[in-house]
Amino acid sequence: MVVLYFYPKDFTSGCTAEACSFRDDYKLYEDKGAVVIGVSFDSVESHAKFSEKYKLPFFILSDHSKEVATAYGALGVGGFW
């Protein structure tokens, strides 16, 4: 099972809270056999800093082209979150 979540930007208050919530509950997901993956438009470098700062135990993917978000219908109204 994969838990795929989309978020607008690294280091913003809401997105940080969301990522840390997944981090704090990560063991529950892992116990159920789930893999958590975050996706945003930020760069790989930004994701690495974000992940390191908040000690995130899951992958964060860069969707700079918005191709993945578009495929999942996750862009919201007008192509923005």
PDB file of N, CA and C in Angstrom:
ATOM      1  N   MET A   1       0.847  -1.166   0.000  1.00  0.00           N
ATOM      2  CA  MET A   1       0.000   0.000   0.000  1.00  0.00           C
ATOM      3  C   MET A   1       0.900   1.239   0.000  1.00  0.00           C
ATOM      4  N   VAL A   2       0.474   2.256  -0.734  1.00  0.00           N
ATOM      5  CA  VAL A   2       1.213   3.508  -0.811  1.00  0.00           C
ATOM      6  C   VAL A   2       0.310   4.649  -0.355  1.00  0.00           C
ATOM      7  N   VAL A   3       0.824   5.470   0.543  1.00  0.00           N
ATOM      8  CA  VAL A   3       0.148   6.701   0.944  1.00  0.00           C
ATOM      9  C   VAL A   3       0.887   7.826   0.221  1.00  0.00           C
ATOM     10  N   LEU A   4       0.249   8.356  -0.800  1.00  0.00           N
ATOM     11  CA  LEU A   4       0.838   9.403  -1.629  1.00  0.00           C
ATOM     12  C   LEU A   4       0.145  10.709  -1.276  1.00  0.00           C
ATOM     13  N   TYR A   5       0.921  11.670  -0.763  1.00  0.00           N
ATOM     14  CA  TYR A   5       0.299  12.946  -0.430  1.00  0.00           C
ATOM     15  C   TYR A   5       1.015  14.078  -1.142  1.00  0.00           C
ATOM     16  N   PHE A   6       0.241  15.048  -1.559  1.00  0.00           N
ATOM     17  CA  PHE A   6       0.749  16.204  -2.290  1.00  0.00           C
ATOM     18  C   PHE A   6       0.699  17.417  -1.367  1.00  0.00           C
ATOM     19  N   TYR A   7       1.707  18.265  -1.482  1.00  0.00           N
ATOM     20  CA  TYR A   7       1.726  19.496  -0.688  1.00  0.00           C
ATOM     21  C   TYR A   7       2.400  20.592  -1.503  1.00  0.00           C
ATOM     22  N   PRO A   8       2.050  21.857  -1.247  1.00  0.00           N
ATOM     23  CA  PRO A   8       2.534  22.948  -2.091  1.00  0.00           C
ATOM     24  C   PRO A   8       4.014  23.308  -1.963  1.00  0.00           C
ATOM     25  N   LYS A   9       4.553  23.386  -0.727  1.00  0.00           N
ATOM     26  CA  LYS A   9       5.897  23.951  -0.610  1.00  0.00           C
ATOM     27  C   LYS A   9       6.586  23.521   0.674  1.00  0.00           C
ATOM     28  N   ASP A  10       7.861  23.179   0.548  1.00  0.00           N
ATOM     29  CA  ASP A  10       8.692  22.878   1.712  1.00  0.00           C
ATOM     30  C   ASP A  10       8.799  24.100   2.617  1.00  0.00           C
ATOM     31  N   PHE A  11       8.906  23.849   3.910  1.00  0.00           N
ATOM     32  CA  PHE A  11       9.189  24.861   4.935  1.00  0.00           C
ATOM     33  C   PHE A  11       8.056  25.851   5.206  1.00  0.00           C
ATOM     34  N   THR A  12       6.871  25.656   4.639  1.00  0.00           N
ATOM     35  CA  THR A  12       5.737  26.501   5.010  1.00  0.00           C
ATOM     36  C   THR A  12       5.072  25.876   6.236  1.00  0.00           C
ATOM     37  N   SER A  13       4.370  26.671   7.000  1.00  0.00           N
ATOM     38  CA  SER A  13       3.841  26.177   8.278  1.00  0.00           C
ATOM     39  C   SER A  13       2.887  24.991   8.112  1.00  0.00           C
ATOM     40  N   GLY A  14       1.932  25.101   7.199  1.00  0.00           N
ATOM     41  CA  GLY A  14       0.974  24.009   7.013  1.00  0.00           C
ATOM     42  C   GLY A  14       1.609  22.754   6.458  1.00  0.00           C
ATOM     43  N   CYS A  15       2.494  22.924   5.489  1.00  0.00           N
ATOM     44  CA  CYS A  15       3.143  21.760   4.866  1.00  0.00           C
ATOM     45  C   CYS A  15       4.117  21.083   5.829  1.00  0.00           C
ATOM     46  N   THR A  16       4.773  21.881   6.653  1.00  0.00           N
ATOM     47  CA  THR A  16       5.672  21.323   7.661  1.00  0.00           C
ATOM     48  C   THR A  16       4.871  20.531   8.689  1.00  0.00           C
ATOM     49  N   ALA A  17       3.753  21.087   9.139  1.00  0.00           N
ATOM     50  CA  ALA A  17       2.903  20.378  10.101  1.00  0.00           C
ATOM     51  C   ALA A  17       2.406  19.057   9.517  1.00  0.00           C
ATOM     52  N   GLU A  18       2.015  19.080   8.248  1.00  0.00           N
ATOM     53  CA  GLU A  18       1.519  17.860   7.599  1.00  0.00           C
ATOM     54  C   GLU A  18       2.621  16.807   7.518  1.00  0.00           C
ATOM     55  N   ALA A  19       3.804  17.211   7.066  1.00  0.00           N
ATOM     56  CA  ALA A  19       4.924  16.270   6.956  1.00  0.00           C
ATOM     57  C   ALA A  19       5.302  15.700   8.321  1.00  0.00           C
ATOM     58  N   CYS A  20       5.317  16.555   9.329  1.00  0.00           N
ATOM     59  CA  CYS A  20       5.679  16.090  10.672  1.00  0.00           C
ATOM     60  C   CYS A  20       4.612  15.167  11.246  1.00  0.00           C
ATOM     61  N   SER A  21       3.373  15.360  10.850  1.00  0.00           N
ATOM     62  CA  SER A  21       2.302  14.457  11.273  1.00  0.00           C
ATOM     63  C   SER A  21       2.517  13.062  10.685  1.00  0.00           C
ATOM     64  N   PHE A  22       2.868  13.010   9.395  1.00  0.00           N
ATOM     65  CA  PHE A  22       3.193  11.717   8.787  1.00  0.00           C
ATOM     66  C   PHE A  22       4.415  11.107   9.460  1.00  0.00           C
ATOM     67  N   ARG A  23       5.408  11.945   9.775  1.00  0.00           N
ATOM     68  CA  ARG A  23       6.611  11.454  10.470  1.00  0.00           C
ATOM     69  C   ARG A  23       6.247  10.858  11.822  1.00  0.00           C
ATOM     70  N   ASP A  24       5.450  11.606  12.597  1.00  0.00           N
ATOM     71  CA  ASP A  24       5.112  11.170  13.953  1.00  0.00           C
ATOM     72  C   ASP A  24       4.286   9.881  13.966  1.00  0.00           C
ATOM     73  N   ASP A  25       3.495   9.674  12.924  1.00  0.00           N
ATOM     74  CA  ASP A  25       2.662   8.469  12.826  1.00  0.00           C
ATOM     75  C   ASP A  25       3.257   7.408  11.909  1.00  0.00           C
ATOM     76  N   TYR A  26       4.486   7.601  11.482  1.00  0.00           N
ATOM     77  CA  TYR A  26       5.098   6.737  10.482  1.00  0.00           C
ATOM     78  C   TYR A  26       5.081   5.260  10.888  1.00  0.00           C
ATOM     79  N   LYS A  27       5.324   4.981  12.149  1.00  0.00           N
ATOM     80  CA  LYS A  27       5.345   3.596  12.634  1.00  0.00           C
ATOM     81  C   LYS A  27       3.980   2.926  12.402  1.00  0.00           C
ATOM     82  N   LEU A  28       2.902   3.677  12.560  1.00  0.00           N
ATOM     83  CA  LEU A  28       1.565   3.117  12.324  1.00  0.00           C
ATOM     84  C   LEU A  28       1.394   2.712  10.863  1.00  0.00           C
ATOM     85  N   TYR A  29       1.866   3.567   9.956  1.00  0.00           N
ATOM     86  CA  TYR A  29       1.800   3.245   8.523  1.00  0.00           C
ATOM     87  C   TYR A  29       2.673   2.035   8.209  1.00  0.00           C
ATOM     88  N   GLU A  30       3.869   2.060   8.756  1.00  0.00           N
ATOM     89  CA  GLU A  30       4.823   0.973   8.523  1.00  0.00           C
ATOM     90  C   GLU A  30       4.271  -0.364   9.031  1.00  0.00           C
ATOM     91  N   ASP A  31       3.649  -0.330  10.193  1.00  0.00           N
ATOM     92  CA  ASP A  31       3.064  -1.556  10.768  1.00  0.00           C
ATOM     93  C   ASP A  31       1.967  -2.138   9.880  1.00  0.00           C
ATOM     94  N   LYS A  32       1.324  -1.302   9.095  1.00  0.00           N
ATOM     95  CA  LYS A  32       0.270  -1.746   8.175  1.00  0.00           C
ATOM     96  C   LYS A  32       0.831  -2.103   6.797  1.00  0.00           C
ATOM     97  N   GLY A  33       2.154  -1.983   6.647  1.00  0.00           N
ATOM     98  CA  GLY A  33       2.786  -2.314   5.374  1.00  0.00           C
ATOM     99  C   GLY A  33       2.713  -1.201   4.354  1.00  0.00           C
ATOM    100  N   ALA A  34       2.402   0.016   4.802  1.00  0.00           N
ATOM    101  CA  ALA A  34       2.274   1.154   3.892  1.00  0.00           C
ATOM    102  C   ALA A  34       3.596   1.898   3.735  1.00  0.00           C
ATOM    103  N   VAL A  35       3.776   2.450   2.567  1.00  0.00           N
ATOM    104  CA  VAL A  35       4.906   3.323   2.262  1.00  0.00           C
ATOM    105  C   VAL A  35       4.347   4.726   2.075  1.00  0.00           C
ATOM    106  N   VAL A  36       4.924   5.705   2.768  1.00  0.00           N
ATOM    107  CA  VAL A  36       4.491   7.096   2.653  1.00  0.00           C
ATOM    108  C   VAL A  36       5.405   7.812   1.671  1.00  0.00           C
ATOM    109  N   ILE A  37       4.814   8.581   0.750  1.00  0.00           N
ATOM    110  CA  ILE A  37       5.579   9.372  -0.216  1.00  0.00           C
ATOM    111  C   ILE A  37       4.929  10.740  -0.324  1.00  0.00           C
ATOM    112  N   GLY A  38       5.726  11.782  -0.123  1.00  0.00           N
ATOM    113  CA  GLY A  38       5.256  13.151  -0.304  1.00  0.00           C
ATOM    114  C   GLY A  38       5.675  13.659  -1.673  1.00  0.00           C
ATOM    115  N   VAL A  39       4.869  14.550  -2.250  1.00  0.00           N
ATOM    116  CA  VAL A  39       5.157  15.109  -3.574  1.00  0.00           C
ATOM    117  C   VAL A  39       4.878  16.606  -3.547  1.00  0.00           C
ATOM    118  N   SER A  40       5.846  17.396  -4.026  1.00  0.00           N
ATOM    119  CA  SER A  40       5.605  18.832  -4.229  1.00  0.00           C
ATOM    120  C   SER A  40       6.437  19.314  -5.411  1.00  0.00           C
ATOM    121  N   PHE A  41       6.269  20.589  -5.733  1.00  0.00           N
ATOM    122  CA  PHE A  41       6.955  21.162  -6.893  1.00  0.00           C
ATOM    123  C   PHE A  41       8.373  21.617  -6.579  1.00  0.00           C
ATOM    124  N   ASP A  42       8.767  21.598  -5.316  1.00  0.00           N
ATOM    125  CA  ASP A  42      10.101  22.063  -4.939  1.00  0.00           C
ATOM    126  C   ASP A  42      11.200  21.176  -5.526  1.00  0.00           C
ATOM    127  N   SER A  43      12.402  21.693  -5.496  1.00  0.00           N
ATOM    128  CA  SER A  43      13.552  20.984  -6.064  1.00  0.00           C
ATOM    129  C   SER A  43      13.990  19.818  -5.173  1.00  0.00           C
ATOM    130  N   VAL A  44      14.777  18.951  -5.745  1.00  0.00           N
ATOM    131  CA  VAL A  44      15.350  17.828  -5.001  1.00  0.00           C
ATOM    132  C   VAL A  44      16.200  18.370  -3.848  1.00  0.00           C
ATOM    133  N   GLU A  45      16.934  19.440  -4.089  1.00  0.00           N
ATOM    134  CA  GLU A  45      17.786  20.046  -3.064  1.00  0.00           C
ATOM    135  C   GLU A  45      16.952  20.574  -1.898  1.00  0.00           C
ATOM    136  N   SER A  46      15.853  21.244  -2.208  1.00  0.00           N
ATOM    137  CA  SER A  46      14.962  21.743  -1.161  1.00  0.00           C
ATOM    138  C   SER A  46      14.386  20.592  -0.351  1.00  0.00           C
ATOM    139  N   HIS A  47      13.968  19.538  -1.039  1.00  0.00           N
ATOM    140  CA  HIS A  47      13.421  18.363  -0.349  1.00  0.00           C
ATOM    141  C   HIS A  47      14.457  17.734   0.580  1.00  0.00           C
ATOM    142  N   ALA A  48      15.690  17.673   0.141  1.00  0.00           N
ATOM    143  CA  ALA A  48      16.745  17.082   0.975  1.00  0.00           C
ATOM    144  C   ALA A  48      16.923  17.888   2.266  1.00  0.00           C
ATOM    145  N   LYS A  49      16.924  19.201   2.164  1.00  0.00           N
ATOM    146  CA  LYS A  49      17.064  20.061   3.347  1.00  0.00           C
ATOM    147  C   LYS A  49      15.849  19.932   4.262  1.00  0.00           C
ATOM    148  N   PHE A  50      14.665  19.919   3.668  1.00  0.00           N
ATOM    149  CA  PHE A  50      13.417  19.790   4.416  1.00  0.00           C
ATOM    150  C   PHE A  50      13.384  18.456   5.156  1.00  0.00           C
ATOM    151  N   SER A  51      13.696  17.400   4.445  1.00  0.00           N
ATOM    152  CA  SER A  51      13.686  16.062   5.020  1.00  0.00           C
ATOM    153  C   SER A  51      14.704  15.934   6.149  1.00  0.00           C
ATOM    154  N   GLU A  52      15.880  16.495   5.947  1.00  0.00           N
ATOM    155  CA  GLU A  52      16.926  16.430   6.968  1.00  0.00           C
ATOM    156  C   GLU A  52      16.535  17.238   8.204  1.00  0.00           C
ATOM    157  N   LYS A  53      16.052  18.454   7.999  1.00  0.00           N
ATOM    158  CA  LYS A  53      15.704  19.324   9.123  1.00  0.00           C
ATOM    159  C   LYS A  53      14.634  18.695  10.010  1.00  0.00           C
ATOM    160  N   TYR A  54      13.633  18.084   9.396  1.00  0.00           N
ATOM    161  CA  TYR A  54      12.512  17.538  10.156  1.00  0.00           C
ATOM    162  C   TYR A  54      12.590  16.026  10.347  1.00  0.00           C
ATOM    163  N   LYS A  55      13.732  15.442   9.953  1.00  0.00           N
ATOM    164  CA  LYS A  55      13.986  14.011  10.149  1.00  0.00           C
ATOM    165  C   LYS A  55      12.831  13.147   9.626  1.00  0.00           C
ATOM    166  N   LEU A  56      12.483  13.380   8.366  1.00  0.00           N
ATOM    167  CA  LEU A  56      11.383  12.650   7.751  1.00  0.00           C
ATOM    168  C   LEU A  56      11.859  11.266   7.310  1.00  0.00           C
ATOM    169  N   PRO A  57      11.179  10.209   7.730  1.00  0.00           N
ATOM    170  CA  PRO A  57      11.611   8.845   7.413  1.00  0.00           C
ATOM    171  C   PRO A  57      11.048   8.303   6.099  1.00  0.00           C
ATOM    172  N   PHE A  58      10.536   9.176   5.247  1.00  0.00           N
ATOM    173  CA  PHE A  58       9.926   8.748   4.000  1.00  0.00           C
ATOM    174  C   PHE A  58      10.453   9.594   2.847  1.00  0.00           C
ATOM    175  N   PHE A  59      10.203   9.130   1.643  1.00  0.00           N
ATOM    176  CA  PHE A  59      10.663   9.833   0.447  1.00  0.00           C
ATOM    177  C   PHE A  59       9.774  11.029   0.133  1.00  0.00           C
ATOM    178  N   ILE A  60      10.408  12.066  -0.396  1.00  0.00           N
ATOM    179  CA  ILE A  60       9.689  13.221  -0.936  1.00  0.00           C
ATOM    180  C   ILE A  60      10.157  13.362  -2.379  1.00  0.00           C
ATOM    181  N   LEU A  61       9.214  13.390  -3.281  1.00  0.00           N
ATOM    182  CA  LEU A  61       9.534  13.471  -4.704  1.00  0.00           C
ATOM    183  C   LEU A  61       9.317  14.874  -5.234  1.00  0.00           C
ATOM    184  N   SER A  62      10.176  15.278  -6.157  1.00  0.00           N
ATOM    185  CA  SER A  62      10.053  16.573  -6.813  1.00  0.00           C
ATOM    186  C   SER A  62       9.231  16.415  -8.085  1.00  0.00           C
ATOM    187  N   ASP A  63       8.174  17.187  -8.170  1.00  0.00           N
ATOM    188  CA  ASP A  63       7.296  17.168  -9.344  1.00  0.00           C
ATOM    189  C   ASP A  63       7.311  18.563  -9.969  1.00  0.00           C
ATOM    190  N   HIS A  64       8.503  19.019 -10.310  1.00  0.00           N
ATOM    191  CA  HIS A  64       8.694  20.376 -10.819  1.00  0.00           C
ATOM    192  C   HIS A  64       7.839  20.654 -12.057  1.00  0.00           C
ATOM    193  N   SER A  65       7.635  19.648 -12.877  1.00  0.00           N
ATOM    194  CA  SER A  65       6.849  19.816 -14.108  1.00  0.00           C
ATOM    195  C   SER A  65       5.338  19.732 -13.857  1.00  0.00           C
ATOM    196  N   LYS A  66       4.948  19.375 -12.639  1.00  0.00           N
ATOM    197  CA  LYS A  66       3.546  19.202 -12.235  1.00  0.00           C
ATOM    198  C   LYS A  66       2.855  18.036 -12.959  1.00  0.00           C
ATOM    199  N   GLU A  67       3.640  17.177 -13.568  1.00  0.00           N
ATOM    200  CA  GLU A  67       3.105  16.045 -14.325  1.00  0.00           C
ATOM    201  C   GLU A  67       2.387  15.033 -13.424  1.00  0.00           C
ATOM    202  N   VAL A  68       2.990  14.715 -12.289  1.00  0.00           N
ATOM    203  CA  VAL A  68       2.390  13.734 -11.383  1.00  0.00           C
ATOM    204  C   VAL A  68       1.133  14.311 -10.735  1.00  0.00           C
ATOM    205  N   ALA A  69       1.217  15.558 -10.262  1.00  0.00           N
ATOM    206  CA  ALA A  69       0.048  16.201  -9.643  1.00  0.00           C
ATOM    207  C   ALA A  69      -1.104  16.296 -10.632  1.00  0.00           C
ATOM    208  N   THR A  70      -0.798  16.592 -11.872  1.00  0.00           N
ATOM    209  CA  THR A  70      -1.830  16.663 -12.904  1.00  0.00           C
ATOM    210  C   THR A  70      -2.471  15.292 -13.111  1.00  0.00           C
ATOM    211  N   ALA A  71      -1.648  14.261 -13.181  1.00  0.00           N
ATOM    212  CA  ALA A  71      -2.159  12.908 -13.406  1.00  0.00           C
ATOM    213  C   ALA A  71      -3.105  12.461 -12.284  1.00  0.00           C
ATOM    214  N   TYR A  72      -2.844  12.923 -11.060  1.00  0.00           N
ATOM    215  CA  TYR A  72      -3.675  12.550  -9.916  1.00  0.00           C
ATOM    216  C   TYR A  72      -4.783  13.565  -9.641  1.00  0.00           C
ATOM    217  N   GLY A  73      -4.876  14.612 -10.451  1.00  0.00           N
ATOM    218  CA  GLY A  73      -5.896  15.632 -10.225  1.00  0.00           C
ATOM    219  C   GLY A  73      -5.691  16.401  -8.935  1.00  0.00           C
ATOM    220  N   ALA A  74      -4.425  16.599  -8.582  1.00  0.00           N
ATOM    221  CA  ALA A  74      -4.098  17.202  -7.278  1.00  0.00           C
ATOM    222  C   ALA A  74      -3.678  18.669  -7.372  1.00  0.00           C
ATOM    223  N   LEU A  75      -3.948  19.327  -8.471  1.00  0.00           N
ATOM    224  CA  LEU A  75      -3.517  20.717  -8.609  1.00  0.00           C
ATOM    225  C   LEU A  75      -4.512  21.710  -8.040  1.00  0.00           C
ATOM    226  N   GLY A  76      -5.732  21.350  -7.874  1.00  0.00           N
ATOM    227  CA  GLY A  76      -6.719  22.289  -7.369  1.00  0.00           C
ATOM    228  C   GLY A  76      -7.200  23.230  -8.442  1.00  0.00           C
ATOM    229  N   VAL A  77      -7.939  24.233  -8.047  1.00  0.00           N
ATOM    230  CA  VAL A  77      -8.527  25.202  -8.970  1.00  0.00           C
ATOM    231  C   VAL A  77      -7.451  26.075  -9.588  1.00  0.00           C
ATOM    232  N   GLY A  78      -7.457  26.198 -10.902  1.00  0.00           N
ATOM    233  CA  GLY A  78      -6.511  27.052 -11.603  1.00  0.00           C
ATOM    234  C   GLY A  78      -5.084  26.528 -11.655  1.00  0.00           C
ATOM    235  N   GLY A  79      -4.895  25.264 -11.309  1.00  0.00           N
ATOM    236  CA  GLY A  79      -3.556  24.685 -11.372  1.00  0.00           C
ATOM    237  C   GLY A  79      -2.683  24.989 -10.166  1.00  0.00           C
ATOM    238  N   PHE A  80      -3.300  25.460  -9.091  1.00  0.00           N
ATOM    239  CA  PHE A  80      -2.532  25.775  -7.870  1.00  0.00           C
ATOM    240  C   PHE A  80      -3.162  25.046  -6.696  1.00  0.00           C
ATOM    241  N   TRP A  81      -2.376  24.834  -5.678  1.00  0.00           N
ATOM    242  CA  TRP A  81      -2.907  24.251  -4.443  1.00  0.00           C
ATOM    243  C   TRP A  81      -3.604  25.327  -3.683  1.00  0.00           C
TER     244      TRP A  81
END
